[in-house]
Amino acid sequence: MEIENLELKKTFYRGLNERQRRHFAALEAKILGRGGIKAVCEAFEIDPVTVRGGIQELTSGQTELPGGRIRRAGGGRKKNSAIT
């Protein structure tokens, strides 16, 4: 399975934020069909969980977040109060 214009897409991919990357990878996998997740993961060197998460977000309509946010509230690394 081959991704068309792969080098151009990789250049574009590097300029996206993490949420946009998930959605882009999910779209590419859906376009490729069966085996698409594996092909996208190998081409862009990402985890399949990332692609599946992007597919889930797109199909469930979870594409809108409050202004300026990339992650849902509570997402990301937790602050450790013991280390200051």
C-alpha atoms as a PDB file:
ATOM      1  CA  MET A   1       0.000   0.000   0.000  1.00  0.00           C
ATOM      2  CA  GLU A   2       1.470   3.314  -1.037  1.00  0.00           C
ATOM      3  CA  ILE A   3       0.638   6.840   0.103  1.00  0.00           C
ATOM      4  CA  GLU A   4       0.656   9.309  -2.778  1.00  0.00           C
ATOM      5  CA  ASN A   5       2.929  12.374  -2.453  1.00  0.00           C
ATOM      6  CA  LEU A   6       4.341  11.010   0.804  1.00  0.00           C
ATOM      7  CA  GLU A   7       7.275  13.414   1.127  1.00  0.00           C
ATOM      8  CA  LEU A   8       5.029  16.431   0.547  1.00  0.00           C
ATOM      9  CA  LYS A   9       2.533  15.118   3.100  1.00  0.00           C
ATOM     10  CA  LYS A  10       5.321  14.511   5.636  1.00  0.00           C
ATOM     11  CA  THR A  11       6.462  18.120   5.243  1.00  0.00           C
ATOM     12  CA  PHE A  12       2.903  19.345   5.770  1.00  0.00           C
ATOM     13  CA  TYR A  13       2.416  16.960   8.731  1.00  0.00           C
ATOM     14  CA  ARG A  14       5.426  18.362  10.603  1.00  0.00           C
ATOM     15  CA  GLY A  15       3.824  21.835  10.626  1.00  0.00           C
ATOM     16  CA  LEU A  16       0.621  20.707  12.328  1.00  0.00           C
ATOM     17  CA  ASN A  17      -0.193  20.720  16.037  1.00  0.00           C
ATOM     18  CA  GLU A  18      -0.855  17.398  17.772  1.00  0.00           C
ATOM     19  CA  ARG A  19      -4.632  17.517  17.289  1.00  0.00           C
ATOM     20  CA  GLN A  20      -4.336  18.369  13.600  1.00  0.00           C
ATOM     21  CA  ARG A  21      -1.788  15.560  13.195  1.00  0.00           C
ATOM     22  CA  ARG A  22      -4.249  13.032  14.655  1.00  0.00           C
ATOM     23  CA  HIS A  23      -6.983  14.177  12.307  1.00  0.00           C
ATOM     24  CA  PHE A  24      -4.711  14.253   9.246  1.00  0.00           C
ATOM     25  CA  ALA A  25      -3.411  10.748   9.974  1.00  0.00           C
ATOM     26  CA  ALA A  26      -6.969   9.505  10.530  1.00  0.00           C
ATOM     27  CA  LEU A  27      -8.117  10.930   7.182  1.00  0.00           C
ATOM     28  CA  GLU A  28      -5.169   9.375   5.355  1.00  0.00           C
ATOM     29  CA  ALA A  29      -5.889   5.992   6.959  1.00  0.00           C
ATOM     30  CA  LYS A  30      -9.572   6.179   5.996  1.00  0.00           C
ATOM     31  CA  ILE A  31      -8.670   7.108   2.402  1.00  0.00           C
ATOM     32  CA  LEU A  32      -6.369   4.073   2.149  1.00  0.00           C
ATOM     33  CA  GLY A  33      -9.028   1.711   3.491  1.00  0.00           C
ATOM     34  CA  ARG A  34      -8.105  -1.751   4.765  1.00  0.00           C
ATOM     35  CA  GLY A  35      -4.557  -1.690   6.160  1.00  0.00           C
ATOM     36  CA  GLY A  36      -4.537   2.103   6.110  1.00  0.00           C
ATOM     37  CA  ILE A  37      -3.806   2.543   9.815  1.00  0.00           C
ATOM     38  CA  LYS A  38      -0.712   0.354   9.586  1.00  0.00           C
ATOM     39  CA  ALA A  39       0.519   2.106   6.416  1.00  0.00           C
ATOM     40  CA  VAL A  40       0.049   5.572   7.930  1.00  0.00           C
ATOM     41  CA  CYS A  41       1.745   4.553  11.181  1.00  0.00           C
ATOM     42  CA  GLU A  42       4.774   3.229   9.341  1.00  0.00           C
ATOM     43  CA  ALA A  43       4.994   6.200   6.965  1.00  0.00           C
ATOM     44  CA  PHE A  44       4.626   8.917   9.602  1.00  0.00           C
ATOM     45  CA  GLU A  45       6.249   6.939  12.455  1.00  0.00           C
ATOM     46  CA  ILE A  46       3.309   7.293  14.833  1.00  0.00           C
ATOM     47  CA  ASP A  47       1.433   4.972  17.169  1.00  0.00           C
ATOM     48  CA  PRO A  48      -1.738   3.227  15.940  1.00  0.00           C
ATOM     49  CA  VAL A  49      -3.547   4.473  19.057  1.00  0.00           C
ATOM     50  CA  THR A  50      -3.014   8.021  17.778  1.00  0.00           C
ATOM     51  CA  VAL A  51      -4.631   7.215  14.439  1.00  0.00           C
ATOM     52  CA  ARG A  52      -7.521   5.328  16.038  1.00  0.00           C
ATOM     53  CA  GLY A  53      -8.085   8.259  18.407  1.00  0.00           C
ATOM     54  CA  GLY A  54      -8.218  10.632  15.458  1.00  0.00           C
ATOM     55  CA  ILE A  55     -10.709   8.404  13.656  1.00  0.00           C
ATOM     56  CA  GLN A  56     -12.862   8.246  16.782  1.00  0.00           C
ATOM     57  CA  GLU A  57     -12.774  12.035  17.193  1.00  0.00           C
ATOM     58  CA  LEU A  58     -13.763  12.613  13.564  1.00  0.00           C
ATOM     59  CA  THR A  59     -16.552  10.029  13.449  1.00  0.00           C
ATOM     60  CA  SER A  60     -18.077  11.052  16.794  1.00  0.00           C
ATOM     61  CA  GLY A  61     -18.031  14.757  15.966  1.00  0.00           C
ATOM     62  CA  GLN A  62     -15.616  15.659  18.782  1.00  0.00           C
ATOM     63  CA  THR A  63     -13.778  18.135  16.589  1.00  0.00           C
ATOM     64  CA  GLU A  64     -14.790  21.323  18.412  1.00  0.00           C
ATOM     65  CA  LEU A  65     -12.879  22.516  21.481  1.00  0.00           C
ATOM     66  CA  PRO A  66     -13.139  25.799  23.396  1.00  0.00           C
ATOM     67  CA  GLY A  67     -11.245  28.635  21.697  1.00  0.00           C
ATOM     68  CA  GLY A  68      -7.497  28.293  21.450  1.00  0.00           C
ATOM     69  CA  ARG A  69      -7.290  24.801  22.965  1.00  0.00           C
ATOM     70  CA  ILE A  70      -5.507  21.824  21.407  1.00  0.00           C
ATOM     71  CA  ARG A  71      -6.331  19.333  24.162  1.00  0.00           C
ATOM     72  CA  ARG A  72      -9.533  18.737  26.061  1.00  0.00           C
ATOM     73  CA  ALA A  73      -9.615  20.212  29.577  1.00  0.00           C
ATOM     74  CA  GLY A  74      -7.583  18.014  31.919  1.00  0.00           C
ATOM     75  CA  GLY A  75      -5.415  16.650  29.084  1.00  0.00           C
ATOM     76  CA  GLY A  76      -1.654  16.655  29.095  1.00  0.00           C
ATOM     77  CA  ARG A  77       0.955  16.058  31.738  1.00  0.00           C
ATOM     78  CA  LYS A  78      -0.116  16.599  35.333  1.00  0.00           C
ATOM     79  CA  LYS A  79       1.743  19.053  37.542  1.00  0.00           C
ATOM     80  CA  ASN A  80       3.610  17.354  40.352  1.00  0.00           C
ATOM     81  CA  SER A  81       3.282  19.418  43.532  1.00  0.00           C
ATOM     82  CA  ALA A  82       6.200  17.571  45.192  1.00  0.00           C
ATOM     83  CA  ILE A  83       8.660  18.921  42.620  1.00  0.00           C
ATOM     84  CA  THR A  84       8.905  22.682  42.713  1.00  0.00           C
END
